[in-house]
Structures are given as C-alpha cells and as structure tokens.
Amino acid sequence: MIDATADDLASATALQLDCNFTTEIPDVLPAVNWGVQPNPASDFTTISCSDCVMESIQVRDLTGKLLLEQNAAQPVQYWQMDVSTWSSGVYIITLFNDKGSSSKLFTKP
C-alpha cells in the first residue's frame, strides 16, 4: 500500500491518496527436453522434443528479426528444416508447444 498526503497551505486543502496493488511473478514453465541436431548444420537439421509435442516454431536472427514461422498441421515430436539456403550465422529457434515456449541457438556454418 502507498499512502501519500499533500497539503495546499494557501487554501488549507489536504489530499490523501491510498493505492493498493499486487505484483505477480508468473510461474516458471517446466523444463522442456528438446534439441536441434545436428547443430551446427549446413543442409538439414531436426528439432525433436521427447517429452512434449510441438505446435509451431519460429526462427529469428540475432537482431530479433523473424525469418521463419511454421505451424504444424497437428502437434508433432520431430520437425525437419532445410537450412541449405540460410546465410552463415547464429539463429534463435523458438519452439511453441503444449507447455509454453522455449528457445535455443542454432549455428549455420
């Protein structure tokens, strides 16, 4: 609670303000066991999730620019990606599933 009082000495008016608020920290998502293999890769890489199902993935460069977004027709445990046309560099792959989302780095040599 925040309690503040302000007095206007010229008109003898007082203002009192009471604020009640709650802050909340969201629950941490349970760890998701997933991987990108091979990593690094120059042709194809496979994303696998042994204890979850994937609904979609996003690939971003290190500036955060969205390069690829794919949705599964139905939830899957394996996802193969053709990376042969990607430029060399480091990418952020984010997996979205029934438990939330998680990100890993991927390197294209």
N, C-alpha and C. Protein backbone atom coordinates (compact mmCIF):
# COMPACT_ATOMS: atom_id res chain seq x y z
N MET A 1 0.84 -1.17 0.00
CA MET A 1 0.00 0.00 0.00
C MET A 1 0.88 1.23 0.00
N ILE A 2 0.50 2.21 -0.78
CA ILE A 2 1.18 3.50 -0.80
C ILE A 2 0.23 4.52 -0.20
N ASP A 3 0.71 5.28 0.76
CA ASP A 3 -0.11 6.31 1.41
C ASP A 3 0.62 7.63 1.26
N ALA A 4 -0.01 8.59 0.59
CA ALA A 4 0.62 9.89 0.37
C ALA A 4 -0.36 10.99 0.76
N THR A 5 0.15 12.01 1.39
CA THR A 5 -0.67 13.16 1.78
C THR A 5 -0.02 14.42 1.24
N ALA A 6 -0.84 15.30 0.66
CA ALA A 6 -0.34 16.58 0.15
C ALA A 6 -1.20 17.69 0.74
N ASP A 7 -0.56 18.72 1.22
CA ASP A 7 -1.28 19.86 1.80
C ASP A 7 -1.06 21.09 0.93
N ASP A 8 -2.14 21.82 0.68
CA ASP A 8 -2.07 23.10 -0.01
C ASP A 8 -2.22 24.16 1.07
N LEU A 9 -1.12 24.74 1.48
CA LEU A 9 -1.13 25.68 2.60
C LEU A 9 -1.92 26.94 2.30
N ALA A 10 -2.05 27.32 1.04
CA ALA A 10 -2.76 28.55 0.69
C ALA A 10 -4.26 28.42 0.92
N SER A 11 -4.84 27.25 0.58
CA SER A 11 -6.29 27.09 0.74
C SER A 11 -6.65 26.10 1.84
N ALA A 12 -5.65 25.59 2.52
CA ALA A 12 -5.86 24.64 3.62
C ALA A 12 -6.61 23.40 3.15
N THR A 13 -6.30 22.93 1.92
CA THR A 13 -6.91 21.73 1.38
C THR A 13 -5.91 20.59 1.46
N ALA A 14 -6.35 19.45 1.93
CA ALA A 14 -5.48 18.27 2.03
C ALA A 14 -6.01 17.20 1.08
N LEU A 15 -5.11 16.47 0.49
CA LEU A 15 -5.45 15.37 -0.41
C LEU A 15 -4.73 14.14 0.09
N GLN A 16 -5.46 13.07 0.28
CA GLN A 16 -4.84 11.81 0.71
C GLN A 16 -5.13 10.77 -0.35
N LEU A 17 -4.12 10.01 -0.72
CA LEU A 17 -4.23 9.01 -1.78
C LEU A 17 -3.77 7.67 -1.22
N ASP A 18 -4.63 6.68 -1.27
CA ASP A 18 -4.29 5.31 -0.87
C ASP A 18 -4.33 4.43 -2.11
N CYS A 19 -3.26 3.71 -2.36
CA CYS A 19 -3.19 2.81 -3.51
C CYS A 19 -2.87 1.40 -3.03
N ASN A 20 -3.70 0.47 -3.37
CA ASN A 20 -3.44 -0.94 -3.08
C ASN A 20 -3.23 -1.66 -4.40
N PHE A 21 -2.15 -2.41 -4.53
CA PHE A 21 -1.91 -3.17 -5.74
C PHE A 21 -1.07 -4.38 -5.40
N THR A 22 -1.15 -5.36 -6.26
CA THR A 22 -0.40 -6.60 -6.08
C THR A 22 0.47 -6.81 -7.30
N THR A 23 1.71 -7.18 -7.07
CA THR A 23 2.57 -7.56 -8.18
C THR A 23 2.63 -9.08 -8.22
N GLU A 24 2.80 -9.60 -9.40
CA GLU A 24 2.79 -11.04 -9.55
C GLU A 24 3.94 -11.48 -10.44
N ILE A 25 4.57 -12.55 -10.07
CA ILE A 25 5.60 -13.17 -10.89
C ILE A 25 4.99 -14.45 -11.44
N PRO A 26 4.91 -14.58 -12.77
CA PRO A 26 4.28 -15.78 -13.33
C PRO A 26 5.08 -17.03 -13.00
N ASP A 27 4.39 -18.16 -12.95
CA ASP A 27 5.05 -19.43 -12.70
C ASP A 27 6.06 -19.72 -13.80
N VAL A 28 7.17 -20.31 -13.42
CA VAL A 28 8.18 -20.70 -14.39
C VAL A 28 7.69 -21.95 -15.10
N LEU A 29 7.81 -21.95 -16.41
CA LEU A 29 7.38 -23.12 -17.17
C LEU A 29 8.28 -24.30 -16.86
N PRO A 30 7.73 -25.50 -16.83
CA PRO A 30 8.57 -26.66 -16.59
C PRO A 30 9.58 -26.83 -17.72
N ALA A 31 10.71 -27.39 -17.39
CA ALA A 31 11.76 -27.59 -18.40
C ALA A 31 11.24 -28.52 -19.50
N VAL A 32 11.55 -28.16 -20.72
CA VAL A 32 11.15 -28.96 -21.87
C VAL A 32 12.41 -29.57 -22.45
N ASN A 33 12.40 -30.87 -22.62
CA ASN A 33 13.57 -31.58 -23.15
C ASN A 33 13.46 -31.63 -24.68
N TRP A 34 14.16 -30.69 -25.34
CA TRP A 34 14.15 -30.67 -26.79
C TRP A 34 15.53 -30.28 -27.29
N GLY A 35 15.78 -30.58 -28.56
CA GLY A 35 17.09 -30.29 -29.10
C GLY A 35 17.06 -30.04 -30.59
N VAL A 36 18.17 -29.53 -31.09
CA VAL A 36 18.36 -29.25 -32.51
C VAL A 36 19.59 -30.04 -32.93
N GLN A 37 19.42 -31.03 -33.82
CA GLN A 37 20.52 -31.90 -34.23
C GLN A 37 20.49 -32.10 -35.74
N PRO A 38 21.60 -32.07 -36.42
CA PRO A 38 22.89 -31.61 -35.91
C PRO A 38 22.91 -30.10 -35.75
N ASN A 39 23.80 -29.66 -34.92
CA ASN A 39 23.98 -28.22 -34.67
C ASN A 39 25.45 -27.99 -34.36
N PRO A 40 26.18 -27.37 -35.26
CA PRO A 40 25.78 -26.69 -36.49
C PRO A 40 25.43 -27.66 -37.61
N ALA A 41 24.71 -27.13 -38.60
CA ALA A 41 24.34 -27.91 -39.78
C ALA A 41 24.32 -26.98 -40.98
N SER A 42 24.63 -27.54 -42.15
CA SER A 42 24.64 -26.72 -43.36
C SER A 42 23.54 -27.10 -44.35
N ASP A 43 22.93 -28.28 -44.21
CA ASP A 43 21.88 -28.71 -45.13
C ASP A 43 20.51 -28.85 -44.44
N PHE A 44 20.42 -29.81 -43.55
CA PHE A 44 19.18 -30.07 -42.82
C PHE A 44 19.47 -30.19 -41.34
N THR A 45 18.50 -29.82 -40.53
CA THR A 45 18.58 -30.03 -39.09
C THR A 45 17.21 -30.49 -38.62
N THR A 46 17.19 -31.24 -37.53
CA THR A 46 15.95 -31.77 -36.99
C THR A 46 15.75 -31.26 -35.58
N ILE A 47 14.56 -30.76 -35.33
CA ILE A 47 14.17 -30.35 -33.99
C ILE A 47 13.35 -31.50 -33.42
N SER A 48 13.73 -31.95 -32.23
CA SER A 48 13.00 -33.06 -31.61
C SER A 48 12.65 -32.71 -30.17
N CYS A 49 11.52 -33.20 -29.75
CA CYS A 49 11.03 -32.95 -28.39
C CYS A 49 10.54 -34.27 -27.84
N SER A 50 11.30 -34.84 -26.90
CA SER A 50 10.97 -36.18 -26.42
C SER A 50 9.82 -36.20 -25.42
N ASP A 51 9.61 -35.11 -24.68
CA ASP A 51 8.56 -35.13 -23.66
C ASP A 51 7.47 -34.09 -23.90
N CYS A 52 7.30 -33.69 -25.16
CA CYS A 52 6.25 -32.72 -25.48
C CYS A 52 5.86 -32.88 -26.94
N VAL A 53 4.89 -32.11 -27.35
CA VAL A 53 4.52 -32.04 -28.76
C VAL A 53 4.67 -30.60 -29.22
N MET A 54 5.22 -30.42 -30.40
CA MET A 54 5.44 -29.08 -30.95
C MET A 54 4.23 -28.66 -31.76
N GLU A 55 3.84 -27.41 -31.57
CA GLU A 55 2.73 -26.86 -32.33
C GLU A 55 3.21 -25.89 -33.40
N SER A 56 4.29 -25.17 -33.11
CA SER A 56 4.85 -24.25 -34.10
C SER A 56 6.29 -23.91 -33.72
N ILE A 57 7.01 -23.36 -34.70
CA ILE A 57 8.38 -22.89 -34.46
C ILE A 57 8.55 -21.53 -35.11
N GLN A 58 9.49 -20.78 -34.57
CA GLN A 58 9.91 -19.51 -35.15
C GLN A 58 11.42 -19.50 -35.22
N VAL A 59 11.95 -18.89 -36.25
CA VAL A 59 13.39 -18.70 -36.38
C VAL A 59 13.64 -17.21 -36.53
N ARG A 60 14.54 -16.69 -35.71
CA ARG A 60 14.90 -15.27 -35.74
C ARG A 60 16.42 -15.14 -35.84
N ASP A 61 16.85 -14.02 -36.43
CA ASP A 61 18.28 -13.74 -36.41
C ASP A 61 18.61 -13.09 -35.06
N LEU A 62 19.87 -12.77 -34.83
CA LEU A 62 20.27 -12.24 -33.53
C LEU A 62 19.79 -10.82 -33.28
N THR A 63 19.25 -10.16 -34.31
CA THR A 63 18.65 -8.83 -34.09
C THR A 63 17.19 -8.96 -33.68
N GLY A 64 16.65 -10.19 -33.73
CA GLY A 64 15.25 -10.42 -33.38
C GLY A 64 14.32 -10.43 -34.57
N LYS A 65 14.85 -10.24 -35.77
CA LYS A 65 14.01 -10.23 -36.97
C LYS A 65 13.47 -11.63 -37.23
N LEU A 66 12.16 -11.73 -37.41
CA LEU A 66 11.52 -13.01 -37.69
C LEU A 66 11.82 -13.44 -39.12
N LEU A 67 12.46 -14.60 -39.28
CA LEU A 67 12.84 -15.10 -40.60
C LEU A 67 11.93 -16.23 -41.06
N LEU A 68 11.40 -16.99 -40.13
CA LEU A 68 10.59 -18.15 -40.48
C LEU A 68 9.60 -18.43 -39.36
N GLU A 69 8.38 -18.73 -39.74
CA GLU A 69 7.37 -19.16 -38.77
C GLU A 69 6.58 -20.27 -39.42
N GLN A 70 6.54 -21.43 -38.76
CA GLN A 70 5.82 -22.57 -39.30
C GLN A 70 4.91 -23.15 -38.23
N ASN A 71 3.71 -23.51 -38.63
CA ASN A 71 2.75 -24.15 -37.75
C ASN A 71 2.55 -25.59 -38.20
N ALA A 72 2.47 -26.49 -37.25
CA ALA A 72 2.23 -27.89 -37.58
C ALA A 72 0.75 -28.10 -37.87
N ALA A 73 0.45 -28.94 -38.85
CA ALA A 73 -0.94 -29.27 -39.14
C ALA A 73 -1.56 -29.98 -37.94
N GLN A 74 -0.73 -30.75 -37.26
CA GLN A 74 -1.11 -31.39 -36.00
C GLN A 74 0.16 -31.43 -35.15
N PRO A 75 0.04 -31.46 -33.83
CA PRO A 75 1.24 -31.46 -32.98
C PRO A 75 2.16 -32.63 -33.31
N VAL A 76 3.47 -32.35 -33.35
CA VAL A 76 4.47 -33.36 -33.72
C VAL A 76 5.61 -33.37 -32.70
N GLN A 77 6.40 -34.45 -32.72
CA GLN A 77 7.58 -34.54 -31.85
C GLN A 77 8.87 -34.29 -32.61
N TYR A 78 8.83 -34.32 -33.95
CA TYR A 78 10.02 -34.10 -34.76
C TYR A 78 9.69 -33.10 -35.86
N TRP A 79 10.67 -32.25 -36.18
CA TRP A 79 10.47 -31.24 -37.21
C TRP A 79 11.77 -31.10 -37.98
N GLN A 80 11.78 -31.42 -39.26
CA GLN A 80 12.99 -31.28 -40.07
C GLN A 80 12.95 -29.96 -40.83
N MET A 81 14.08 -29.25 -40.81
CA MET A 81 14.16 -27.96 -41.50
C MET A 81 15.30 -27.98 -42.51
N ASP A 82 15.01 -27.47 -43.69
CA ASP A 82 16.03 -27.28 -44.73
C ASP A 82 16.70 -25.94 -44.47
N VAL A 83 17.97 -25.97 -44.09
CA VAL A 83 18.71 -24.73 -43.79
C VAL A 83 19.75 -24.44 -44.87
N SER A 84 19.70 -25.17 -45.99
CA SER A 84 20.73 -25.04 -47.02
C SER A 84 20.79 -23.65 -47.64
N THR A 85 19.68 -22.93 -47.67
CA THR A 85 19.67 -21.60 -48.28
C THR A 85 19.91 -20.47 -47.27
N TRP A 86 20.03 -20.82 -46.00
CA TRP A 86 20.26 -19.80 -44.98
C TRP A 86 21.67 -19.26 -45.07
N SER A 87 21.86 -18.02 -44.73
CA SER A 87 23.20 -17.43 -44.65
C SER A 87 23.91 -17.98 -43.42
N SER A 88 25.24 -17.98 -43.48
CA SER A 88 26.02 -18.41 -42.32
C SER A 88 25.73 -17.47 -41.15
N GLY A 89 25.62 -18.04 -39.97
CA GLY A 89 25.37 -17.21 -38.79
C GLY A 89 24.72 -17.98 -37.67
N VAL A 90 24.32 -17.25 -36.65
CA VAL A 90 23.66 -17.83 -35.48
C VAL A 90 22.20 -17.40 -35.50
N TYR A 91 21.32 -18.35 -35.23
CA TYR A 91 19.88 -18.12 -35.27
C TYR A 91 19.26 -18.54 -33.94
N ILE A 92 18.12 -17.96 -33.63
CA ILE A 92 17.36 -18.32 -32.44
C ILE A 92 16.13 -19.10 -32.90
N ILE A 93 16.05 -20.36 -32.48
CA ILE A 93 14.89 -21.19 -32.81
C ILE A 93 14.01 -21.26 -31.56
N THR A 94 12.75 -20.89 -31.72
CA THR A 94 11.81 -20.93 -30.61
C THR A 94 10.74 -21.96 -30.92
N LEU A 95 10.56 -22.86 -29.98
CA LEU A 95 9.57 -23.93 -30.08
C LEU A 95 8.36 -23.54 -29.24
N PHE A 96 7.18 -23.69 -29.79
CA PHE A 96 5.94 -23.45 -29.06
C PHE A 96 5.22 -24.79 -28.94
N ASN A 97 4.83 -25.13 -27.72
CA ASN A 97 4.19 -26.42 -27.51
C ASN A 97 3.12 -26.34 -26.44
N ASP A 98 2.65 -27.49 -26.03
CA ASP A 98 1.58 -27.56 -25.05
C ASP A 98 2.02 -27.07 -23.66
N LYS A 99 3.31 -26.86 -23.44
CA LYS A 99 3.81 -26.41 -22.15
C LYS A 99 4.25 -24.95 -22.15
N GLY A 100 4.27 -24.32 -23.30
CA GLY A 100 4.72 -22.93 -23.40
C GLY A 100 5.67 -22.76 -24.56
N SER A 101 6.75 -22.02 -24.34
CA SER A 101 7.74 -21.81 -25.40
C SER A 101 9.13 -21.88 -24.81
N SER A 102 10.09 -22.20 -25.67
CA SER A 102 11.48 -22.31 -25.26
C SER A 102 12.35 -22.01 -26.47
N SER A 103 13.52 -21.40 -26.25
CA SER A 103 14.40 -21.02 -27.36
C SER A 103 15.78 -21.63 -27.21
N LYS A 104 16.40 -21.90 -28.34
CA LYS A 104 17.78 -22.40 -28.40
C LYS A 104 18.48 -21.72 -29.57
N LEU A 105 19.80 -21.70 -29.48
CA LEU A 105 20.61 -21.15 -30.57
C LEU A 105 20.95 -22.24 -31.57
N PHE A 106 20.99 -21.86 -32.84
CA PHE A 106 21.39 -22.76 -33.92
C PHE A 106 22.43 -22.04 -34.76
N THR A 107 23.46 -22.78 -35.18
CA THR A 107 24.53 -22.20 -35.98
C THR A 107 24.54 -22.81 -37.38
N LYS A 108 24.57 -21.93 -38.38
CA LYS A 108 24.75 -22.35 -39.77
C LYS A 108 26.16 -21.93 -40.17
N PRO A 109 27.05 -22.92 -40.43
CA PRO A 109 28.45 -22.57 -40.76
C PRO A 109 28.58 -21.90 -42.13
